[in-house]
PDB file of all heavy atoms in Angstrom:
ATOM      1  N   THR A   1      77.112 188.868 176.691  1.00  0.00           N
ATOM      2  CA  THR A   1      75.864 188.139 176.929  1.00  0.00           C
ATOM      3  C   THR A   1      74.974 188.282 175.703  1.00  0.00           C
ATOM      4  O   THR A   1      75.232 189.118 174.840  1.00  0.00           O
ATOM      5  CB  THR A   1      75.116 188.711 178.157  1.00  0.00           C
ATOM      6  OG1 THR A   1      74.701 190.054 177.859  1.00  0.00           O
ATOM      7  CG2 THR A   1      75.978 188.682 179.407  1.00  0.00           C
ATOM      8  N   VAL A   2      73.922 187.488 175.661  1.00  0.00           N
ATOM      9  CA  VAL A   2      72.961 187.597 174.565  1.00  0.00           C
ATOM     10  C   VAL A   2      72.370 189.007 174.554  1.00  0.00           C
ATOM     11  O   VAL A   2      72.234 189.622 173.497  1.00  0.00           O
ATOM     12  CB  VAL A   2      71.858 186.519 174.685  1.00  0.00           C
ATOM     13  CG1 VAL A   2      70.731 186.780 173.702  1.00  0.00           C
ATOM     14  CG2 VAL A   2      72.449 185.132 174.460  1.00  0.00           C
ATOM     15  N   TYR A   3      72.057 189.543 175.730  1.00  0.00           N
ATOM     16  CA  TYR A   3      71.509 190.899 175.813  1.00  0.00           C
ATOM     17  C   TYR A   3      72.478 191.917 175.201  1.00  0.00           C
ATOM     18  O   TYR A   3      72.073 192.733 174.368  1.00  0.00           O
ATOM     19  CB  TYR A   3      71.214 191.271 177.278  1.00  0.00           C
ATOM     20  CG  TYR A   3      70.869 192.732 177.452  1.00  0.00           C
ATOM     21  CD1 TYR A   3      69.578 193.194 177.174  1.00  0.00           C
ATOM     22  CD2 TYR A   3      71.825 193.642 177.868  1.00  0.00           C
ATOM     23  CE1 TYR A   3      69.264 194.542 177.312  1.00  0.00           C
ATOM     24  CE2 TYR A   3      71.521 194.984 178.003  1.00  0.00           C
ATOM     25  CZ  TYR A   3      70.244 195.428 177.727  1.00  0.00           C
ATOM     26  OH  TYR A   3      69.946 196.763 177.857  1.00  0.00           O
ATOM     27  N   ASP A   4      73.760 191.872 175.600  1.00  0.00           N
ATOM     28  CA  ASP A   4      74.751 192.807 175.047  1.00  0.00           C
ATOM     29  C   ASP A   4      74.831 192.674 173.525  1.00  0.00           C
ATOM     30  O   ASP A   4      74.896 193.674 172.807  1.00  0.00           O
ATOM     31  CB  ASP A   4      76.149 192.534 175.629  1.00  0.00           C
ATOM     32  CG  ASP A   4      76.241 192.820 177.113  1.00  0.00           C
ATOM     33  OD1 ASP A   4      75.460 193.643 177.622  1.00  0.00           O
ATOM     34  OD2 ASP A   4      77.098 192.194 177.776  1.00  0.00           O
ATOM     35  N   GLY A   5      74.845 191.436 173.063  1.00  0.00           N
ATOM     36  CA  GLY A   5      74.922 191.189 171.622  1.00  0.00           C
ATOM     37  C   GLY A   5      73.711 191.729 170.888  1.00  0.00           C
ATOM     38  O   GLY A   5      73.837 192.316 169.813  1.00  0.00           O
ATOM     39  N   LEU A   6      72.525 191.528 171.471  1.00  0.00           N
ATOM     40  CA  LEU A   6      71.309 192.043 170.834  1.00  0.00           C
ATOM     41  C   LEU A   6      71.321 193.569 170.784  1.00  0.00           C
ATOM     42  O   LEU A   6      70.971 194.154 169.760  1.00  0.00           O
ATOM     43  CB  LEU A   6      70.069 191.549 171.582  1.00  0.00           C
ATOM     44  CG  LEU A   6      69.700 190.081 171.366  1.00  0.00           C
ATOM     45  CD1 LEU A   6      68.623 189.650 172.361  1.00  0.00           C
ATOM     46  CD2 LEU A   6      69.248 189.829 169.937  1.00  0.00           C
ATOM     47  N   VAL A   7      71.736 194.208 171.866  1.00  0.00           N
ATOM     48  CA  VAL A   7      71.795 195.678 171.866  1.00  0.00           C
ATOM     49  C   VAL A   7      72.732 196.152 170.762  1.00  0.00           C
ATOM     50  O   VAL A   7      72.385 197.043 169.979  1.00  0.00           O
ATOM     51  CB  VAL A   7      72.232 196.234 173.242  1.00  0.00           C
ATOM     52  CG1 VAL A   7      72.536 197.726 173.161  1.00  0.00           C
ATOM     53  CG2 VAL A   7      71.160 195.981 174.296  1.00  0.00           C
ATOM     54  N   ARG A   8      73.910 195.526 170.654  1.00  0.00           N
ATOM     55  CA  ARG A   8      74.862 195.922 169.601  1.00  0.00           C
ATOM     56  C   ARG A   8      74.261 195.702 168.207  1.00  0.00           C
ATOM     57  O   ARG A   8      74.412 196.527 167.315  1.00  0.00           O
ATOM     58  CB  ARG A   8      76.163 195.138 169.739  1.00  0.00           C
ATOM     59  CG  ARG A   8      77.017 195.641 170.856  1.00  0.00           C
ATOM     60  CD  ARG A   8      78.442 195.111 170.709  1.00  0.00           C
ATOM     61  NE  ARG A   8      79.274 195.705 171.725  1.00  0.00           N
ATOM     62  CZ  ARG A   8      79.733 195.048 172.770  1.00  0.00           C
ATOM     63  NH1 ARG A   8      79.453 193.786 172.946  1.00  0.00           N
ATOM     64  NH2 ARG A   8      80.496 195.656 173.646  1.00  0.00           N
ATOM     65  N   LYS A   9      73.598 194.567 168.047  1.00  0.00           N
ATOM     66  CA  LYS A   9      72.985 194.272 166.746  1.00  0.00           C
ATOM     67  C   LYS A   9      71.925 195.328 166.409  1.00  0.00           C
ATOM     68  O   LYS A   9      71.893 195.856 165.303  1.00  0.00           O
ATOM     69  CB  LYS A   9      72.346 192.880 166.758  1.00  0.00           C
ATOM     70  CG  LYS A   9      71.665 192.535 165.443  1.00  0.00           C
ATOM     71  CD  LYS A   9      70.985 191.190 165.470  1.00  0.00           C
ATOM     72  CE  LYS A   9      70.334 190.937 164.118  1.00  0.00           C
ATOM     73  NZ  LYS A   9      69.552 189.731 164.094  1.00  0.00           N
ATOM     74  N   PHE A  10      71.051 195.651 167.365  1.00  0.00           N
ATOM     75  CA  PHE A  10      69.992 196.621 167.112  1.00  0.00           C
ATOM     76  C   PHE A  10      70.547 198.028 166.901  1.00  0.00           C
ATOM     77  O   PHE A  10      69.999 198.801 166.120  1.00  0.00           O
ATOM     78  CB  PHE A  10      68.939 196.598 168.220  1.00  0.00           C
ATOM     79  CG  PHE A  10      68.220 195.278 168.326  1.00  0.00           C
ATOM     80  CD1 PHE A  10      67.913 194.742 169.560  1.00  0.00           C
ATOM     81  CD2 PHE A  10      67.878 194.553 167.194  1.00  0.00           C
ATOM     82  CE1 PHE A  10      67.259 193.517 169.672  1.00  0.00           C
ATOM     83  CE2 PHE A  10      67.237 193.325 167.276  1.00  0.00           C
ATOM     84  CZ  PHE A  10      66.926 192.812 168.523  1.00  0.00           C
ATOM     85  N   GLU A  11      71.652 198.353 167.572  1.00  0.00           N
ATOM     86  CA  GLU A  11      72.293 199.658 167.335  1.00  0.00           C
ATOM     87  C   GLU A  11      72.792 199.727 165.895  1.00  0.00           C
ATOM     88  O   GLU A  11      72.629 200.735 165.211  1.00  0.00           O
ATOM     89  CB  GLU A  11      73.445 199.884 168.314  1.00  0.00           C
ATOM     90  CG  GLU A  11      72.987 200.205 169.711  1.00  0.00           C
ATOM     91  CD  GLU A  11      74.106 200.230 170.744  1.00  0.00           C
ATOM     92  OE1 GLU A  11      75.243 199.780 170.452  1.00  0.00           O
ATOM     93  OE2 GLU A  11      73.821 200.672 171.866  1.00  0.00           O
ATOM     94  N   TYR A  12      73.384 198.643 165.424  1.00  0.00           N
ATOM     95  CA  TYR A  12      73.880 198.601 164.054  1.00  0.00           C
ATOM     96  C   TYR A  12      72.721 198.680 163.053  1.00  0.00           C
ATOM     97  O   TYR A  12      72.785 199.433 162.081  1.00  0.00           O
ATOM     98  CB  TYR A  12      74.720 197.339 163.810  1.00  0.00           C
ATOM     99  CG  TYR A  12      75.297 197.320 162.436  1.00  0.00           C
ATOM    100  CD1 TYR A  12      76.384 198.113 162.107  1.00  0.00           C
ATOM    101  CD2 TYR A  12      74.725 196.547 161.430  1.00  0.00           C
ATOM    102  CE1 TYR A  12      76.910 198.130 160.829  1.00  0.00           C
ATOM    103  CE2 TYR A  12      75.244 196.544 160.149  1.00  0.00           C
ATOM    104  CZ  TYR A  12      76.327 197.348 159.856  1.00  0.00           C
ATOM    105  OH  TYR A  12      76.834 197.368 158.581  1.00  0.00           O
ATOM    106  N   ILE A  13      71.667 197.928 163.325  1.00  0.00           N
ATOM    107  CA  ILE A  13      70.493 197.978 162.444  1.00  0.00           C
ATOM    108  C   ILE A  13      69.915 199.388 162.430  1.00  0.00           C
ATOM    109  O   ILE A  13      69.527 199.901 161.382  1.00  0.00           O
ATOM    110  CB  ILE A  13      69.432 196.938 162.881  1.00  0.00           C
ATOM    111  CG1 ILE A  13      69.913 195.525 162.556  1.00  0.00           C
ATOM    112  CG2 ILE A  13      68.085 197.202 162.205  1.00  0.00           C
ATOM    113  CD1 ILE A  13      69.039 194.410 163.114  1.00  0.00           C
ATOM    114  N   HIS A  14      69.899 200.038 163.590  1.00  0.00           N
ATOM    115  CA  HIS A  14      69.390 201.412 163.670  1.00  0.00           C
ATOM    116  C   HIS A  14      70.243 202.352 162.809  1.00  0.00           C
ATOM    117  O   HIS A  14      69.707 203.211 162.109  1.00  0.00           O
ATOM    118  CB  HIS A  14      69.360 201.885 165.119  1.00  0.00           C
ATOM    119  CG  HIS A  14      68.727 203.216 165.290  1.00  0.00           C
ATOM    120  ND1 HIS A  14      67.357 203.378 165.331  1.00  0.00           N
ATOM    121  CD2 HIS A  14      69.255 204.457 165.396  1.00  0.00           C
ATOM    122  CE1 HIS A  14      67.080 204.660 165.462  1.00  0.00           C
ATOM    123  NE2 HIS A  14      68.212 205.325 165.503  1.00  0.00           N
ATOM    124  N   GLU A  15      71.566 202.172 162.856  1.00  0.00           N
ATOM    125  CA  GLU A  15      72.464 202.981 162.025  1.00  0.00           C
ATOM    126  C   GLU A  15      72.150 202.794 160.541  1.00  0.00           C
ATOM    127  O   GLU A  15      72.262 203.727 159.751  1.00  0.00           O
ATOM    128  CB  GLU A  15      73.927 202.595 162.267  1.00  0.00           C
ATOM    129  CG  GLU A  15      74.481 203.061 163.587  1.00  0.00           C
ATOM    130  CD  GLU A  15      75.879 202.496 163.825  1.00  0.00           C
ATOM    131  OE1 GLU A  15      76.582 202.133 162.851  1.00  0.00           O
ATOM    132  OE2 GLU A  15      76.267 202.407 165.006  1.00  0.00           O
ATOM    133  N   GLU A  16      71.788 201.588 160.168  1.00  0.00           N
ATOM    134  CA  GLU A  16      71.478 201.260 158.768  1.00  0.00           C
ATOM    135  C   GLU A  16      69.959 201.217 158.546  1.00  0.00           C
ATOM    136  O   GLU A  16      69.477 200.531 157.646  1.00  0.00           O
ATOM    137  CB  GLU A  16      72.099 199.908 158.398  1.00  0.00           C
ATOM    138  CG  GLU A  16      73.608 199.929 158.295  1.00  0.00           C
ATOM    139  CD  GLU A  16      74.104 200.554 157.000  1.00  0.00           C
ATOM    140  OE1 GLU A  16      73.300 200.851 156.094  1.00  0.00           O
ATOM    141  OE2 GLU A  16      75.329 200.740 156.890  1.00  0.00           O
ATOM    142  N   HIS A  17      69.219 201.957 159.364  1.00  0.00           N
ATOM    143  CA  HIS A  17      67.753 201.911 159.347  1.00  0.00           C
ATOM    144  C   HIS A  17      67.165 202.110 157.952  1.00  0.00           C
ATOM    145  O   HIS A  17      66.291 201.355 157.534  1.00  0.00           O
ATOM    146  CB  HIS A  17      67.160 202.945 160.304  1.00  0.00           C
ATOM    147  CG  HIS A  17      65.676 203.020 160.218  1.00  0.00           C
ATOM    148  ND1 HIS A  17      64.865 202.059 160.800  1.00  0.00           N
ATOM    149  CD2 HIS A  17      64.846 203.874 159.575  1.00  0.00           C
ATOM    150  CE1 HIS A  17      63.609 202.346 160.516  1.00  0.00           C
ATOM    151  NE2 HIS A  17      63.569 203.442 159.786  1.00  0.00           N
ATOM    152  N   LEU A  18      67.649 203.096 157.249  1.00  0.00           N
ATOM    153  CA  LEU A  18      67.109 203.395 155.922  1.00  0.00           C
ATOM    154  C   LEU A  18      67.191 202.162 155.022  1.00  0.00           C
ATOM    155  O   LEU A  18      66.227 201.794 154.365  1.00  0.00           O
ATOM    156  CB  LEU A  18      67.890 204.555 155.299  1.00  0.00           C
ATOM    157  CG  LEU A  18      67.397 205.065 153.959  1.00  0.00           C
ATOM    158  CD1 LEU A  18      66.030 205.727 154.109  1.00  0.00           C
ATOM    159  CD2 LEU A  18      68.396 206.061 153.382  1.00  0.00           C
ATOM    160  N   PHE A  19      68.333 201.516 155.050  1.00  0.00           N
ATOM    161  CA  PHE A  19      68.505 200.355 154.190  1.00  0.00           C
ATOM    162  C   PHE A  19      67.676 199.168 154.666  1.00  0.00           C
ATOM    163  O   PHE A  19      67.016 198.516 153.863  1.00  0.00           O
ATOM    164  CB  PHE A  19      69.975 199.963 154.084  1.00  0.00           C
ATOM    165  CG  PHE A  19      70.182 198.977 152.989  1.00  0.00           C
ATOM    166  CD1 PHE A  19      70.335 199.399 151.687  1.00  0.00           C
ATOM    167  CD2 PHE A  19      70.148 197.623 153.236  1.00  0.00           C
ATOM    168  CE1 PHE A  19      70.471 198.494 150.652  1.00  0.00           C
ATOM    169  CE2 PHE A  19      70.283 196.704 152.217  1.00  0.00           C
ATOM    170  CZ  PHE A  19      70.452 197.149 150.921  1.00  0.00           C
ATOM    171  N   PHE A  20      67.724 198.857 155.971  1.00  0.00           N
ATOM    172  CA  PHE A  20      66.932 197.736 156.484  1.00  0.00           C
ATOM    173  C   PHE A  20      65.449 197.963 156.214  1.00  0.00           C
ATOM    174  O   PHE A  20      64.726 197.043 155.841  1.00  0.00           O
ATOM    175  CB  PHE A  20      67.159 197.526 157.988  1.00  0.00           C
ATOM    176  CG  PHE A  20      68.316 196.633 158.305  1.00  0.00           C
ATOM    177  CD1 PHE A  20      69.545 197.167 158.648  1.00  0.00           C
ATOM    178  CD2 PHE A  20      68.181 195.256 158.267  1.00  0.00           C
ATOM    179  CE1 PHE A  20      70.618 196.342 158.939  1.00  0.00           C
ATOM    180  CE2 PHE A  20      69.250 194.416 158.572  1.00  0.00           C
ATOM    181  CZ  PHE A  20      70.476 194.972 158.906  1.00  0.00           C
ATOM    182  N   SER A  21      65.005 199.190 156.388  1.00  0.00           N
ATOM    183  CA  SER A  21      63.596 199.510 156.146  1.00  0.00           C
ATOM    184  C   SER A  21      63.228 199.233 154.693  1.00  0.00           C
ATOM    185  O   SER A  21      62.214 198.596 154.408  1.00  0.00           O
ATOM    186  CB  SER A  21      63.352 200.977 156.506  1.00  0.00           C
ATOM    187  OG  SER A  21      61.995 201.278 156.409  1.00  0.00           O
ATOM    188  N   ALA A  22      64.050 199.691 153.773  1.00  0.00           N
ATOM    189  CA  ALA A  22      63.787 199.442 152.352  1.00  0.00           C
ATOM    190  C   ALA A  22      63.895 197.959 152.026  1.00  0.00           C
ATOM    191  O   ALA A  22      63.072 197.413 151.290  1.00  0.00           O
ATOM    192  CB  ALA A  22      64.756 200.247 151.496  1.00  0.00           C
ATOM    193  N   ALA A  23      64.896 197.304 152.602  1.00  0.00           N
ATOM    194  CA  ALA A  23      65.101 195.882 152.312  1.00  0.00           C
ATOM    195  C   ALA A  23      63.925 195.041 152.800  1.00  0.00           C
ATOM    196  O   ALA A  23      63.469 194.141 152.096  1.00  0.00           O
ATOM    197  CB  ALA A  23      66.396 195.397 152.961  1.00  0.00           C
ATOM    198  N   PHE A  24      63.418 195.344 153.992  1.00  0.00           N
ATOM    199  CA  PHE A  24      62.301 194.576 154.524  1.00  0.00           C
ATOM    200  C   PHE A  24      60.977 194.943 153.860  1.00  0.00           C
ATOM    201  O   PHE A  24      59.985 194.244 154.033  1.00  0.00           O
ATOM    202  CB  PHE A  24      62.191 194.741 156.040  1.00  0.00           C
ATOM    203  CG  PHE A  24      63.203 193.952 156.819  1.00  0.00           C
ATOM    204  CD1 PHE A  24      63.826 194.519 157.921  1.00  0.00           C
ATOM    205  CD2 PHE A  24      63.527 192.650 156.485  1.00  0.00           C
ATOM    206  CE1 PHE A  24      64.748 193.793 158.665  1.00  0.00           C
ATOM    207  CE2 PHE A  24      64.445 191.922 157.216  1.00  0.00           C
ATOM    208  CZ  PHE A  24      65.063 192.505 158.310  1.00  0.00           C
ATOM    209  N   SER A  25      60.940 196.029 153.111  1.00  0.00           N
ATOM    210  CA  SER A  25      59.705 196.460 152.446  1.00  0.00           C
ATOM    211  C   SER A  25      59.584 195.954 151.015  1.00  0.00           C
ATOM    212  O   SER A  25      58.541 196.099 150.402  1.00  0.00           O
ATOM    213  CB  SER A  25      59.640 197.991 152.405  1.00  0.00           C
ATOM    214  OG  SER A  25      59.644 198.510 153.696  1.00  0.00           O
ATOM    215  N   THR A  26      60.639 195.372 150.469  1.00  0.00           N
ATOM    216  CA  THR A  26      60.627 194.965 149.069  1.00  0.00           C
ATOM    217  C   THR A  26      59.916 193.629 148.879  1.00  0.00           C
ATOM    218  O   THR A  26      59.689 192.891 149.837  1.00  0.00           O
ATOM    219  CB  THR A  26      62.057 194.817 148.504  1.00  0.00           C
ATOM    220  OG1 THR A  26      62.690 193.720 149.158  1.00  0.00           O
ATOM    221  CG2 THR A  26      62.859 196.084 148.677  1.00  0.00           C
ATOM    222  N   ASP A  27      59.602 193.325 147.625  1.00  0.00           N
ATOM    223  CA  ASP A  27      58.979 192.042 147.287  1.00  0.00           C
ATOM    224  C   ASP A  27      59.866 190.874 147.693  1.00  0.00           C
ATOM    225  O   ASP A  27      59.379 189.789 147.983  1.00  0.00           O
ATOM    226  CB  ASP A  27      58.705 191.944 145.782  1.00  0.00           C
ATOM    227  CG  ASP A  27      57.574 192.869 145.356  1.00  0.00           C
ATOM    228  OD1 ASP A  27      56.739 193.233 146.208  1.00  0.00           O
ATOM    229  OD2 ASP A  27      57.542 193.244 144.168  1.00  0.00           O
ATOM    230  N   SER A  28      61.166 191.115 147.704  1.00  0.00           N
ATOM    231  CA  SER A  28      62.085 190.029 148.045  1.00  0.00           C
ATOM    232  C   SER A  28      62.304 189.934 149.558  1.00  0.00           C
ATOM    233  O   SER A  28      63.146 189.175 150.005  1.00  0.00           O
ATOM    234  CB  SER A  28      63.432 190.240 147.342  1.00  0.00           C
ATOM    235  OG  SER A  28      64.006 191.458 147.751  1.00  0.00           O
ATOM    236  N   SER A  29      61.518 190.684 150.336  1.00  0.00           N
ATOM    237  CA  SER A  29      61.753 190.708 151.786  1.00  0.00           C
ATOM    238  C   SER A  29      61.550 189.348 152.436  1.00  0.00           C
ATOM    239  O   SER A  29      62.167 189.064 153.450  1.00  0.00           O
ATOM    240  CB  SER A  29      60.883 191.760 152.474  1.00  0.00           C
ATOM    241  OG  SER A  29      59.522 191.424 152.397  1.00  0.00           O
ATOM    242  N   ASN A  30      60.699 188.505 151.872  1.00  0.00           N
ATOM    243  CA  ASN A  30      60.545 187.172 152.463  1.00  0.00           C
ATOM    244  C   ASN A  30      61.866 186.415 152.409  1.00  0.00           C
ATOM    245  O   ASN A  30      62.225 185.718 153.354  1.00  0.00           O
ATOM    246  CB  ASN A  30      59.439 186.378 151.772  1.00  0.00           C
ATOM    247  CG  ASN A  30      58.071 186.873 152.170  1.00  0.00           C
ATOM    248  OD1 ASN A  30      57.897 187.450 153.244  1.00  0.00           O
ATOM    249  ND2 ASN A  30      57.097 186.678 151.310  1.00  0.00           N
ATOM    250  N   ASN A  31      62.605 186.541 151.303  1.00  0.00           N
ATOM    251  CA  ASN A  31      63.918 185.912 151.216  1.00  0.00           C
ATOM    252  C   ASN A  31      64.873 186.528 152.227  1.00  0.00           C
ATOM    253  O   ASN A  31      65.663 185.830 152.841  1.00  0.00           O
ATOM    254  CB  ASN A  31      64.508 186.067 149.809  1.00  0.00           C
ATOM    255  CG  ASN A  31      63.774 185.224 148.799  1.00  0.00           C
ATOM    256  OD1 ASN A  31      63.155 184.232 149.153  1.00  0.00           O
ATOM    257  ND2 ASN A  31      63.826 185.629 147.548  1.00  0.00           N
ATOM    258  N   LEU A  32      64.810 187.848 152.393  1.00  0.00           N
ATOM    259  CA  LEU A  32      65.684 188.519 153.341  1.00  0.00           C
ATOM    260  C   LEU A  32      65.352 188.106 154.766  1.00  0.00           C
ATOM    261  O   LEU A  32      66.235 187.876 155.576  1.00  0.00           O
ATOM    262  CB  LEU A  32      65.573 190.037 153.183  1.00  0.00           C
ATOM    263  CG  LEU A  32      65.985 190.582 151.812  1.00  0.00           C
ATOM    264  CD1 LEU A  32      65.744 192.078 151.738  1.00  0.00           C
ATOM    265  CD2 LEU A  32      67.431 190.249 151.502  1.00  0.00           C
ATOM    266  N   ARG A  33      64.087 187.990 155.058  1.00  0.00           N
ATOM    267  CA  ARG A  33      63.678 187.554 156.398  1.00  0.00           C
ATOM    268  C   ARG A  33      64.113 186.114 156.644  1.00  0.00           C
ATOM    269  O   ARG A  33      64.567 185.778 157.734  1.00  0.00           O
ATOM    270  CB  ARG A  33      62.170 187.688 156.568  1.00  0.00           C
ATOM    271  CG  ARG A  33      61.725 189.127 156.613  1.00  0.00           C
ATOM    272  CD  ARG A  33      60.239 189.267 156.599  1.00  0.00           C
ATOM    273  NE  ARG A  33      59.902 190.659 156.338  1.00  0.00           N
ATOM    274  CZ  ARG A  33      58.688 191.126 156.307  1.00  0.00           C
ATOM    275  NH1 ARG A  33      57.658 190.333 156.508  1.00  0.00           N
ATOM    276  NH2 ARG A  33      58.473 192.395 156.060  1.00  0.00           N
ATOM    277  N   GLU A  34      63.962 185.283 155.638  1.00  0.00           N
ATOM    278  CA  GLU A  34      64.390 183.885 155.758  1.00  0.00           C
ATOM    279  C   GLU A  34      65.905 183.817 155.971  1.00  0.00           C
ATOM    280  O   GLU A  34      66.396 183.045 156.784  1.00  0.00           O
ATOM    281  CB  GLU A  34      63.983 183.082 154.510  1.00  0.00           C
ATOM    282  CG  GLU A  34      64.410 181.635 154.530  1.00  0.00           C
ATOM    283  CD  GLU A  34      63.779 180.781 155.628  1.00  0.00           C
ATOM    284  OE1 GLU A  34      62.708 181.149 156.165  1.00  0.00           O
ATOM    285  OE2 GLU A  34      64.374 179.743 155.975  1.00  0.00           O
ATOM    286  N   HIS A  35      66.624 184.646 155.247  1.00  0.00           N
ATOM    287  CA  HIS A  35      68.083 184.683 155.395  1.00  0.00           C
ATOM    288  C   HIS A  35      68.459 185.133 156.806  1.00  0.00           C
ATOM    289  O   HIS A  35      69.342 184.544 157.443  1.00  0.00           O
ATOM    290  CB  HIS A  35      68.681 185.620 154.346  1.00  0.00           C
ATOM    291  CG  HIS A  35      70.160 185.653 154.364  1.00  0.00           C
ATOM    292  ND1 HIS A  35      70.941 184.584 154.002  1.00  0.00           N
ATOM    293  CD2 HIS A  35      71.019 186.638 154.730  1.00  0.00           C
ATOM    294  CE1 HIS A  35      72.210 184.905 154.128  1.00  0.00           C
ATOM    295  NE2 HIS A  35      72.288 186.140 154.572  1.00  0.00           N
ATOM    296  N   ASP A  36      67.809 186.163 157.311  1.00  0.00           N
ATOM    297  CA  ASP A  36      68.038 186.645 158.672  1.00  0.00           C
ATOM    298  C   ASP A  36      67.741 185.528 159.669  1.00  0.00           C
ATOM    299  O   ASP A  36      68.519 185.272 160.593  1.00  0.00           O
ATOM    300  CB  ASP A  36      67.164 187.873 158.950  1.00  0.00           C
ATOM    301  CG  ASP A  36      67.519 188.582 160.249  1.00  0.00           C
ATOM    302  OD1 ASP A  36      68.606 188.328 160.808  1.00  0.00           O
ATOM    303  OD2 ASP A  36      66.701 189.400 160.704  1.00  0.00           O
ATOM    304  N   PHE A  37      66.624 184.830 159.473  1.00  0.00           N
ATOM    305  CA  PHE A  37      66.251 183.711 160.345  1.00  0.00           C
ATOM    306  C   PHE A  37      67.348 182.646 160.348  1.00  0.00           C
ATOM    307  O   PHE A  37      67.766 182.176 161.412  1.00  0.00           O
ATOM    308  CB  PHE A  37      64.909 183.108 159.895  1.00  0.00           C
ATOM    309  CG  PHE A  37      64.645 181.752 160.483  1.00  0.00           C
ATOM    310  CD1 PHE A  37      64.358 181.603 161.837  1.00  0.00           C
ATOM    311  CD2 PHE A  37      64.693 180.618 159.688  1.00  0.00           C
ATOM    312  CE1 PHE A  37      64.132 180.346 162.389  1.00  0.00           C
ATOM    313  CE2 PHE A  37      64.466 179.362 160.223  1.00  0.00           C
ATOM    314  CZ  PHE A  37      64.185 179.222 161.576  1.00  0.00           C
ATOM    315  N   ARG A  38      67.807 182.249 159.178  1.00  0.00           N
ATOM    316  CA  ARG A  38      68.837 181.211 159.075  1.00  0.00           C
ATOM    317  C   ARG A  38      70.113 181.655 159.791  1.00  0.00           C
ATOM    318  O   ARG A  38      70.749 180.878 160.496  1.00  0.00           O
ATOM    319  CB  ARG A  38      69.169 180.887 157.610  1.00  0.00           C
ATOM    320  CG  ARG A  38      68.107 180.103 156.929  1.00  0.00           C
ATOM    321  CD  ARG A  38      68.235 178.622 157.291  1.00  0.00           C
ATOM    322  NE  ARG A  38      66.915 178.036 157.225  1.00  0.00           N
ATOM    323  CZ  ARG A  38      66.425 177.156 158.059  1.00  0.00           C
ATOM    324  NH1 ARG A  38      67.134 176.701 159.049  1.00  0.00           N
ATOM    325  NH2 ARG A  38      65.215 176.686 157.927  1.00  0.00           N
TER     326      ARG A  38
END
């Protein structure tokens, strides 16, 4: 289900928290957010 998929996605993001945190904090984060959106 969408719920199961979201939980798995967030678990993976949590595992890579350090990187996602740095990636979303950079000047290029707007591009990263746009890429995530797409």
